[in-house]
Amino acid sequence: MADNEIMNRRPDEEIELGSITVETGPHPTASVIWLHGLGADGSDFESIVPQLMLPAEQPVRFIFPDAPTRQVTINSGYMMRAWYDIYENISSDAEQDEEGIMESAKIISMLVSHEIERGIASHRIILAGFSQGGSIALYAGLKSEHHLGGIIALSTWLPLSDHFQGVVCKPAPVPSIFMAHGEQDPVVPIQFAEASKEILKKLCTDIEWHTYPMAHSVNPPEILAIREWLIRRLRANRPTQAQRLPD
């Protein structure tokens, strides 16, 4: 049987926030909570699971939650799925929706706690996200009360970075972060991701940094790099025998 032939997809009935769950095998021992970008929904990155071709011996539960629906100022106040409001184009002094960012971080914290209740060790939980979703993955992961397995941050930046300014080599709750960005990204210019990377380095977090000749998107070489990083993280934090047992 191929590594990804076992694939169970269902709406997640246990979390009030709408979401999709994909499991790469029975009795998952790791979870990836993957956050979509502005205006998308949980299905946006569902198709990446088979593309990752993860080993069958490391069954993973992927959770793709929907962001709440809210008015987005930069898009003329239209209602859409968004992890927080965006007032203006990203810049070094752009006003940020601190309340919305922190509310979404709490939502992700609840999702993490839910996975721990389901038997997944915190160090086997990865937060991932693209664009606005990636910014929440970074913020929520770094503010988490749990020591997580890592963060995948794609085409994104660290919001509310002043919350981390002046902190020098403070052990972060995530040991490793995968960051990737398009060199021609017109939505999140790469210099903002690079500035975020430098802030993250000061938190004693290992950063794996990739750039690609693309705009605001994801490409096949990037997916391959994510696969390799994810497999390394899962192998570095293998589950105990107790965690391998079915619920």
Foldseek 3Di string as FASTA:
>chain_A
DFQQPDWDWDFDPPAPFTKIKIKSEPQAQFEEEEEEAWQDFQVPCVVLVVVLRAGNVHIYMYIRTWADWFQAQVVVRDTGRAQFHANDADDPPGDDRVVSLVVSLVVVLVVLVVVVVQLHAQLRYEYEYAARSLQSSVVSQQPHPAQHLEYEREQYAHPPLVVQPPQAQAAGSYQEYEYEHECAAPRRHVVRRVVRVVSVVRNNHHYDYYYDNDYRDDDSVNSNVVSVVSNVSCVVPDDDPVSSDHD
